[in-house]
Every structure is written in C-alpha cells, then in structure tokens.
C-alpha cells in the first residue's frame, strides 16, 4: 500500500463553503502548514494542510459534494494555548477547557479537552454547527 508522506490510513476531507478562509483558519488558528493548494478557477479544488503528524484535505463544497458537519480531534501540547490561538483566529468557545475522566490509549488518566465551534460568520450554518475538539495529553 502506498501512503503519501504526511498522510495516515484515515485522512479527513473537509468539504466547506468558503474553503480559502477555512484553510486560513487551519493555519492561523490551529498552527497548520499549508502543503498544497490546487485551484479550479476561483475555487479550491484541493488543499492539503499538515496539522502535527497528520494531513487533512479541504475542498470548496459543490452541489455534488455539499458542506457537511463533522467532529475531529486534534492532539496538542497545550489545550489552553491552542484554544486561545483558535479564538484569536475566529473560533468561538463552545465548552471550556476541562479535565476529562478518561484517557486515550496510553495517555494520562486525566485528558484536558476543549471544544470550539462557530467559526467565522462568512461560513454557512451547516459548518457553524460543526465542532472541532482540541485535546491535550497534559493533565
């Protein structure tokens, strides 16, 4: 099996209205690195953004592939700093950073979790209902 560098066996693909500002948010708000942007006229046909050890793909929604809500975990070194950065880039707080009673895999038993949503108002209500959960293995 060929797996491109930076990709995992499961790769999130975001179909969103306003792909360009969404990619900007992934970079400015979540510390991502834009790897590729393929345009089809004025719309993003495919963008690839590296977030930590994973790469996600983004495309402008269309009639065939409409915008859809989703929920994703992004593991970070510091949940408080990550939430602050995301809010400065336009995300809104849905749930404060809290210590959760469950861990993931070999993570510590107290996993700090923060949920943000309500991204910039130029995006559609479908995406506004999406949730992005940022998790930290620090307790």
N, C-alpha and C. Protein backbone atom coordinates (compact mmCIF):
# COMPACT_ATOMS: atom_id res chain seq x y z
N UNK A 1 0.85 -1.18 0.00
CA UNK A 1 0.00 0.00 0.00
C UNK A 1 0.89 1.24 0.00
N UNK A 2 0.58 2.15 -0.91
CA UNK A 2 1.32 3.42 -0.94
C UNK A 2 0.58 4.44 -0.09
N UNK A 3 1.28 5.05 0.84
CA UNK A 3 0.73 6.09 1.69
C UNK A 3 1.59 7.33 1.49
N UNK A 4 1.03 8.41 0.92
CA UNK A 4 1.84 9.61 0.69
C UNK A 4 2.42 10.15 2.01
N UNK A 5 3.59 10.74 1.98
CA UNK A 5 4.19 11.31 3.19
C UNK A 5 3.24 12.30 3.86
N UNK A 6 3.11 12.19 5.19
CA UNK A 6 2.26 13.09 5.95
C UNK A 6 0.81 12.64 6.05
N UNK A 7 0.43 11.61 5.30
CA UNK A 7 -0.93 11.10 5.35
C UNK A 7 -1.00 9.86 6.24
N UNK A 8 -2.20 9.59 6.75
CA UNK A 8 -2.44 8.39 7.55
C UNK A 8 -3.46 7.53 6.82
N UNK A 9 -3.70 6.34 7.32
CA UNK A 9 -4.64 5.45 6.63
C UNK A 9 -6.06 6.02 6.61
N UNK A 10 -6.40 6.87 7.55
CA UNK A 10 -7.67 7.60 7.53
C UNK A 10 -7.32 9.08 7.47
N UNK A 11 -7.81 9.77 6.46
CA UNK A 11 -7.48 11.19 6.27
C UNK A 11 -8.77 12.01 6.17
N UNK A 12 -8.98 12.95 7.09
CA UNK A 12 -10.17 13.80 7.00
C UNK A 12 -10.15 14.65 5.72
N UNK A 13 -11.34 14.78 5.11
CA UNK A 13 -11.50 15.62 3.93
C UNK A 13 -12.68 16.54 4.21
N UNK A 14 -12.41 17.84 4.33
CA UNK A 14 -13.43 18.83 4.62
C UNK A 14 -13.98 19.41 3.33
N UNK A 15 -15.29 19.30 3.12
CA UNK A 15 -15.98 19.99 2.03
C UNK A 15 -16.73 21.15 2.68
N UNK A 16 -16.30 22.39 2.40
CA UNK A 16 -16.84 23.55 3.09
C UNK A 16 -17.17 24.67 2.12
N UNK A 17 -18.14 25.51 2.50
CA UNK A 17 -18.40 26.75 1.78
C UNK A 17 -17.38 27.75 2.32
N UNK A 18 -16.55 28.30 1.47
CA UNK A 18 -15.51 29.21 1.94
C UNK A 18 -14.25 28.45 2.30
N UNK A 19 -13.77 27.65 1.36
CA UNK A 19 -12.58 26.82 1.62
C UNK A 19 -11.35 27.67 1.92
N UNK A 20 -11.17 28.79 1.23
CA UNK A 20 -9.98 29.62 1.46
C UNK A 20 -9.90 30.14 2.89
N UNK A 21 -10.98 30.74 3.45
CA UNK A 21 -10.88 31.18 4.84
C UNK A 21 -10.77 30.01 5.82
N UNK A 22 -11.32 28.85 5.46
CA UNK A 22 -11.18 27.68 6.33
C UNK A 22 -9.72 27.23 6.38
N UNK A 23 -9.05 27.20 5.23
CA UNK A 23 -7.63 26.85 5.20
C UNK A 23 -6.84 27.88 6.01
N UNK A 24 -7.18 29.16 5.84
CA UNK A 24 -6.51 30.20 6.63
C UNK A 24 -6.67 29.96 8.12
N UNK A 25 -7.88 29.51 8.54
CA UNK A 25 -8.12 29.21 9.96
C UNK A 25 -7.28 28.03 10.41
N UNK A 26 -7.20 26.98 9.60
CA UNK A 26 -6.40 25.82 9.98
C UNK A 26 -4.94 26.23 10.22
N UNK A 27 -4.46 27.17 9.41
CA UNK A 27 -3.07 27.63 9.55
C UNK A 27 -2.93 28.59 10.73
N UNK A 28 -3.72 29.68 10.74
CA UNK A 28 -3.57 30.70 11.78
C UNK A 28 -4.13 30.25 13.13
N UNK A 29 -5.26 29.54 13.10
CA UNK A 29 -5.93 29.17 14.34
C UNK A 29 -5.44 27.89 14.97
N UNK A 30 -4.97 26.95 14.14
CA UNK A 30 -4.57 25.65 14.67
C UNK A 30 -3.10 25.33 14.44
N UNK A 31 -2.36 26.26 13.85
CA UNK A 31 -0.93 26.05 13.68
C UNK A 31 -0.58 25.12 12.54
N UNK A 32 -1.48 24.96 11.59
CA UNK A 32 -1.22 24.09 10.45
C UNK A 32 -0.23 24.70 9.46
N UNK A 33 0.21 23.87 8.54
CA UNK A 33 1.12 24.31 7.48
C UNK A 33 0.49 23.90 6.15
N UNK A 34 0.19 24.91 5.31
CA UNK A 34 -0.40 24.59 4.02
C UNK A 34 0.65 23.95 3.13
N UNK A 35 0.34 22.76 2.63
CA UNK A 35 1.28 21.98 1.83
C UNK A 35 0.99 22.16 0.34
N UNK A 36 -0.30 22.23 -0.02
CA UNK A 36 -0.67 22.28 -1.43
C UNK A 36 -2.01 23.01 -1.55
N UNK A 37 -2.17 23.76 -2.65
CA UNK A 37 -3.46 24.37 -2.99
C UNK A 37 -3.63 24.25 -4.50
N UNK A 38 -4.59 23.43 -4.90
CA UNK A 38 -4.90 23.25 -6.32
C UNK A 38 -6.21 23.97 -6.59
N UNK A 39 -6.17 24.91 -7.52
CA UNK A 39 -7.34 25.73 -7.83
C UNK A 39 -8.03 25.23 -9.08
N UNK A 40 -9.34 25.42 -9.11
CA UNK A 40 -10.16 25.19 -10.30
C UNK A 40 -10.86 26.52 -10.54
N UNK A 41 -10.23 27.36 -11.33
CA UNK A 41 -10.74 28.73 -11.49
C UNK A 41 -10.54 29.49 -10.20
N UNK A 42 -11.63 29.98 -9.62
CA UNK A 42 -11.58 30.76 -8.38
C UNK A 42 -11.80 29.91 -7.13
N UNK A 43 -12.07 28.62 -7.29
CA UNK A 43 -12.37 27.79 -6.14
C UNK A 43 -11.24 26.81 -5.82
N UNK A 44 -11.12 26.48 -4.55
CA UNK A 44 -10.13 25.48 -4.14
C UNK A 44 -10.69 24.11 -4.48
N UNK A 45 -10.02 23.41 -5.38
CA UNK A 45 -10.40 22.04 -5.72
C UNK A 45 -9.84 21.08 -4.68
N UNK A 46 -8.62 21.35 -4.20
CA UNK A 46 -7.99 20.53 -3.17
C UNK A 46 -6.89 21.32 -2.51
N UNK A 47 -6.96 21.42 -1.19
CA UNK A 47 -5.87 21.99 -0.41
C UNK A 47 -5.46 20.93 0.60
N UNK A 48 -4.19 20.91 0.92
CA UNK A 48 -3.69 19.97 1.92
C UNK A 48 -2.98 20.77 3.00
N UNK A 49 -3.37 20.52 4.24
CA UNK A 49 -2.82 21.23 5.39
C UNK A 49 -2.30 20.21 6.39
N UNK A 50 -1.05 20.37 6.77
CA UNK A 50 -0.46 19.49 7.77
C UNK A 50 -0.75 20.05 9.15
N UNK A 51 -1.34 19.21 10.00
CA UNK A 51 -1.62 19.55 11.39
C UNK A 51 -0.89 18.52 12.24
N UNK A 52 0.22 18.91 12.82
CA UNK A 52 1.02 17.95 13.58
C UNK A 52 1.55 16.87 12.66
N UNK A 53 1.23 15.61 12.98
CA UNK A 53 1.73 14.48 12.18
C UNK A 53 0.73 14.05 11.11
N UNK A 54 -0.39 14.75 10.99
CA UNK A 54 -1.42 14.37 10.03
C UNK A 54 -1.63 15.45 8.98
N UNK A 55 -2.13 15.04 7.84
CA UNK A 55 -2.51 15.96 6.78
C UNK A 55 -4.01 15.83 6.56
N UNK A 56 -4.68 16.97 6.44
CA UNK A 56 -6.11 16.99 6.11
C UNK A 56 -6.27 17.62 4.74
N UNK A 57 -7.38 17.30 4.07
CA UNK A 57 -7.65 17.89 2.78
C UNK A 57 -8.91 18.76 2.88
N UNK A 58 -8.95 19.81 2.06
CA UNK A 58 -10.06 20.76 2.05
C UNK A 58 -10.44 21.05 0.62
N UNK A 59 -11.75 21.12 0.38
CA UNK A 59 -12.25 21.48 -0.94
C UNK A 59 -13.47 22.36 -0.78
N UNK A 60 -13.66 23.25 -1.75
CA UNK A 60 -14.88 24.07 -1.77
C UNK A 60 -16.07 23.14 -2.02
N UNK A 61 -17.12 23.30 -1.22
CA UNK A 61 -18.32 22.49 -1.39
C UNK A 61 -18.95 22.78 -2.74
N UNK A 62 -19.74 21.82 -3.22
CA UNK A 62 -20.43 21.96 -4.50
C UNK A 62 -21.78 21.26 -4.39
N UNK A 63 -22.57 21.30 -5.46
CA UNK A 63 -23.85 20.60 -5.45
C UNK A 63 -23.63 19.09 -5.28
N UNK A 64 -22.59 18.57 -5.91
CA UNK A 64 -22.31 17.14 -5.82
C UNK A 64 -21.73 16.75 -4.46
N UNK A 65 -20.94 17.64 -3.87
CA UNK A 65 -20.29 17.38 -2.58
C UNK A 65 -20.56 18.58 -1.66
N UNK A 66 -21.76 18.63 -1.04
CA UNK A 66 -22.13 19.79 -0.22
C UNK A 66 -21.35 19.85 1.10
N UNK A 67 -21.35 21.05 1.70
CA UNK A 67 -20.75 21.23 3.02
C UNK A 67 -21.45 20.31 4.01
N UNK A 68 -20.68 19.75 4.91
CA UNK A 68 -21.27 18.83 5.89
C UNK A 68 -20.59 19.00 7.24
N UNK A 69 -21.35 18.83 8.32
CA UNK A 69 -20.75 18.94 9.65
C UNK A 69 -19.86 17.75 9.94
N UNK A 70 -18.96 17.92 10.88
CA UNK A 70 -18.08 16.84 11.29
C UNK A 70 -17.50 17.13 12.66
N UNK A 71 -16.84 16.16 13.23
CA UNK A 71 -16.20 16.31 14.53
C UNK A 71 -14.85 15.63 14.47
N UNK A 72 -13.80 16.32 14.91
CA UNK A 72 -12.44 15.81 14.78
C UNK A 72 -11.66 16.12 16.05
N UNK A 73 -10.71 15.27 16.37
CA UNK A 73 -9.79 15.53 17.48
C UNK A 73 -8.46 15.98 16.93
N UNK A 74 -7.89 17.00 17.56
CA UNK A 74 -6.54 17.45 17.24
C UNK A 74 -5.77 17.42 18.55
N UNK A 75 -4.77 16.57 18.65
CA UNK A 75 -3.98 16.45 19.86
C UNK A 75 -2.90 17.52 19.86
N UNK A 76 -2.79 18.24 20.97
CA UNK A 76 -1.88 19.37 21.07
C UNK A 76 -1.07 19.28 22.36
N UNK A 77 0.01 20.05 22.42
CA UNK A 77 0.84 20.09 23.62
C UNK A 77 0.14 20.81 24.76
N UNK A 78 -0.60 21.89 24.45
CA UNK A 78 -1.21 22.70 25.50
C UNK A 78 -2.60 23.15 25.04
N UNK A 79 -3.64 22.59 25.65
CA UNK A 79 -5.02 22.87 25.24
C UNK A 79 -5.39 24.33 25.48
N UNK A 80 -4.93 24.92 26.57
CA UNK A 80 -5.26 26.32 26.87
C UNK A 80 -4.68 27.26 25.81
N UNK A 81 -3.41 27.08 25.47
CA UNK A 81 -2.78 27.91 24.44
C UNK A 81 -3.42 27.68 23.07
N UNK A 82 -3.77 26.43 22.77
CA UNK A 82 -4.38 26.12 21.49
C UNK A 82 -5.75 26.76 21.36
N UNK A 83 -6.54 26.74 22.43
CA UNK A 83 -7.86 27.37 22.39
C UNK A 83 -7.72 28.87 22.23
N UNK A 84 -6.78 29.46 22.92
CA UNK A 84 -6.56 30.91 22.80
C UNK A 84 -6.22 31.27 21.36
N UNK A 85 -5.34 30.50 20.75
CA UNK A 85 -4.94 30.76 19.36
C UNK A 85 -6.13 30.60 18.42
N UNK A 86 -6.93 29.54 18.61
CA UNK A 86 -8.09 29.31 17.75
C UNK A 86 -9.11 30.44 17.89
N UNK A 87 -9.33 30.92 19.11
CA UNK A 87 -10.29 32.01 19.32
C UNK A 87 -9.79 33.30 18.69
N UNK A 88 -8.50 33.56 18.75
CA UNK A 88 -7.95 34.77 18.11
C UNK A 88 -8.13 34.70 16.59
N UNK A 89 -8.21 33.49 16.05
CA UNK A 89 -8.38 33.32 14.60
C UNK A 89 -9.84 33.22 14.19
N UNK A 90 -10.77 33.39 15.15
CA UNK A 90 -12.18 33.46 14.80
C UNK A 90 -13.09 32.38 15.35
N UNK A 91 -12.55 31.37 16.03
CA UNK A 91 -13.40 30.33 16.60
C UNK A 91 -14.08 30.86 17.85
N UNK A 92 -15.21 30.29 18.22
CA UNK A 92 -15.87 30.67 19.46
C UNK A 92 -15.84 29.49 20.42
N UNK A 93 -15.91 29.80 21.69
CA UNK A 93 -15.86 28.78 22.73
C UNK A 93 -17.21 28.09 22.85
N UNK A 94 -17.22 26.78 22.76
CA UNK A 94 -18.43 26.00 22.96
C UNK A 94 -18.39 25.36 24.34
N UNK A 95 -17.20 24.94 24.74
CA UNK A 95 -17.02 24.29 26.04
C UNK A 95 -15.63 24.66 26.54
N UNK A 96 -15.55 25.07 27.78
CA UNK A 96 -14.26 25.47 28.35
C UNK A 96 -13.31 24.27 28.45
N UNK A 97 -12.03 24.56 28.56
CA UNK A 97 -11.02 23.52 28.76
C UNK A 97 -11.31 22.86 30.11
N UNK A 98 -11.46 21.56 30.10
CA UNK A 98 -11.76 20.81 31.32
C UNK A 98 -10.91 19.55 31.37
N UNK A 99 -10.74 19.02 32.58
CA UNK A 99 -10.07 17.74 32.75
C UNK A 99 -11.12 16.65 32.61
N UNK A 100 -10.92 15.77 31.64
CA UNK A 100 -11.87 14.69 31.42
C UNK A 100 -11.42 13.45 32.19
N UNK A 101 -12.36 12.63 32.65
CA UNK A 101 -12.00 11.47 33.49
C UNK A 101 -11.48 10.28 32.70
N UNK A 102 -11.38 10.39 31.38
CA UNK A 102 -10.93 9.26 30.57
C UNK A 102 -9.68 9.66 29.80
N UNK A 103 -8.85 8.69 29.52
CA UNK A 103 -7.66 8.91 28.70
C UNK A 103 -7.83 8.20 27.38
N UNK A 104 -6.89 8.41 26.50
CA UNK A 104 -6.93 7.75 25.20
C UNK A 104 -5.63 6.97 25.05
N UNK A 105 -5.74 5.68 24.77
CA UNK A 105 -4.54 4.85 24.61
C UNK A 105 -3.69 4.89 25.86
N UNK A 106 -2.45 5.29 25.72
CA UNK A 106 -1.53 5.34 26.85
C UNK A 106 -1.44 6.74 27.46
N UNK A 107 -2.37 7.61 27.08
CA UNK A 107 -2.36 8.96 27.64
C UNK A 107 -2.65 8.91 29.13
N UNK A 108 -2.31 9.98 29.81
CA UNK A 108 -2.58 10.07 31.24
C UNK A 108 -4.08 9.92 31.50
N UNK A 109 -4.44 9.54 32.71
CA UNK A 109 -5.85 9.29 33.00
C UNK A 109 -6.70 10.56 32.95
N UNK A 110 -6.11 11.73 33.12
CA UNK A 110 -6.85 12.98 33.02
C UNK A 110 -6.49 13.69 31.73
N UNK A 111 -7.38 13.68 30.75
CA UNK A 111 -7.11 14.31 29.47
C UNK A 111 -7.84 15.64 29.41
N UNK A 112 -7.10 16.71 29.14
CA UNK A 112 -7.72 18.04 29.05
C UNK A 112 -8.35 18.19 27.68
N UNK A 113 -9.61 18.58 27.65
CA UNK A 113 -10.37 18.68 26.40
C UNK A 113 -10.99 20.05 26.27
N UNK A 114 -10.98 20.59 25.06
CA UNK A 114 -11.65 21.85 24.78
C UNK A 114 -12.38 21.71 23.46
N UNK A 115 -13.57 22.27 23.38
CA UNK A 115 -14.34 22.21 22.15
C UNK A 115 -14.62 23.62 21.67
N UNK A 116 -14.34 23.88 20.41
CA UNK A 116 -14.64 25.19 19.85
C UNK A 116 -15.42 24.99 18.57
N UNK A 117 -16.25 25.95 18.25
CA UNK A 117 -17.07 25.88 17.04
C UNK A 117 -17.43 27.29 16.63
N UNK A 118 -18.46 27.44 15.83
CA UNK A 118 -18.88 28.78 15.45
C UNK A 118 -17.78 29.56 14.77
N UNK A 119 -17.22 28.98 13.74
CA UNK A 119 -16.13 29.62 13.04
C UNK A 119 -16.59 30.90 12.34
N UNK A 120 -15.73 31.63 11.69
CA UNK A 120 -16.08 32.95 11.14
C UNK A 120 -17.43 32.99 10.43
N UNK A 121 -18.15 34.10 10.63
CA UNK A 121 -19.54 34.22 10.20
C UNK A 121 -19.75 34.13 8.70
N UNK A 122 -18.72 34.26 7.90
CA UNK A 122 -18.86 34.15 6.45
C UNK A 122 -19.18 32.71 6.04
N UNK A 123 -19.04 31.77 6.94
CA UNK A 123 -19.27 30.37 6.61
C UNK A 123 -20.72 30.00 6.84
N UNK A 124 -21.17 28.93 6.21
CA UNK A 124 -22.57 28.55 6.24
C UNK A 124 -22.99 28.00 7.60
N UNK A 125 -24.31 28.05 7.90
CA UNK A 125 -24.82 27.50 9.15
C UNK A 125 -24.49 26.02 9.33
N UNK A 126 -24.38 25.28 8.24
CA UNK A 126 -24.05 23.85 8.36
C UNK A 126 -22.72 23.68 9.05
N UNK A 127 -21.73 24.45 8.62
CA UNK A 127 -20.41 24.36 9.23
C UNK A 127 -20.41 24.94 10.63
N UNK A 128 -21.22 25.97 10.87
CA UNK A 128 -21.24 26.59 12.18
C UNK A 128 -21.66 25.57 13.24
N UNK A 129 -22.48 24.59 12.83
CA UNK A 129 -22.90 23.57 13.78
C UNK A 129 -21.83 22.50 14.00
N UNK A 130 -20.78 22.51 13.20
CA UNK A 130 -19.71 21.54 13.38
C UNK A 130 -18.96 21.83 14.67
N UNK A 131 -18.27 20.86 15.16
CA UNK A 131 -17.47 21.02 16.36
C UNK A 131 -16.05 20.58 16.05
N UNK A 132 -15.13 21.32 16.57
CA UNK A 132 -13.72 20.94 16.48
C UNK A 132 -13.26 20.76 17.90
N UNK A 133 -12.80 19.60 18.24
CA UNK A 133 -12.35 19.32 19.59
C UNK A 133 -10.84 19.30 19.59
N UNK A 134 -10.25 20.07 20.47
CA UNK A 134 -8.80 20.12 20.60
C UNK A 134 -8.46 19.46 21.92
N UNK A 135 -7.63 18.44 21.87
CA UNK A 135 -7.31 17.69 23.09
C UNK A 135 -5.83 17.78 23.39
N UNK A 136 -5.53 17.74 24.67
CA UNK A 136 -4.15 17.74 25.12
C UNK A 136 -3.92 16.55 26.03
N UNK A 137 -2.78 15.91 25.89
CA UNK A 137 -2.47 14.77 26.78
C UNK A 137 -1.90 15.25 28.11
N UNK A 138 -1.73 16.56 28.27
CA UNK A 138 -1.27 17.08 29.55
C UNK A 138 -2.42 17.12 30.53
N UNK A 139 -2.19 16.74 31.76
CA UNK A 139 -3.26 16.83 32.77
C UNK A 139 -2.92 17.88 33.80
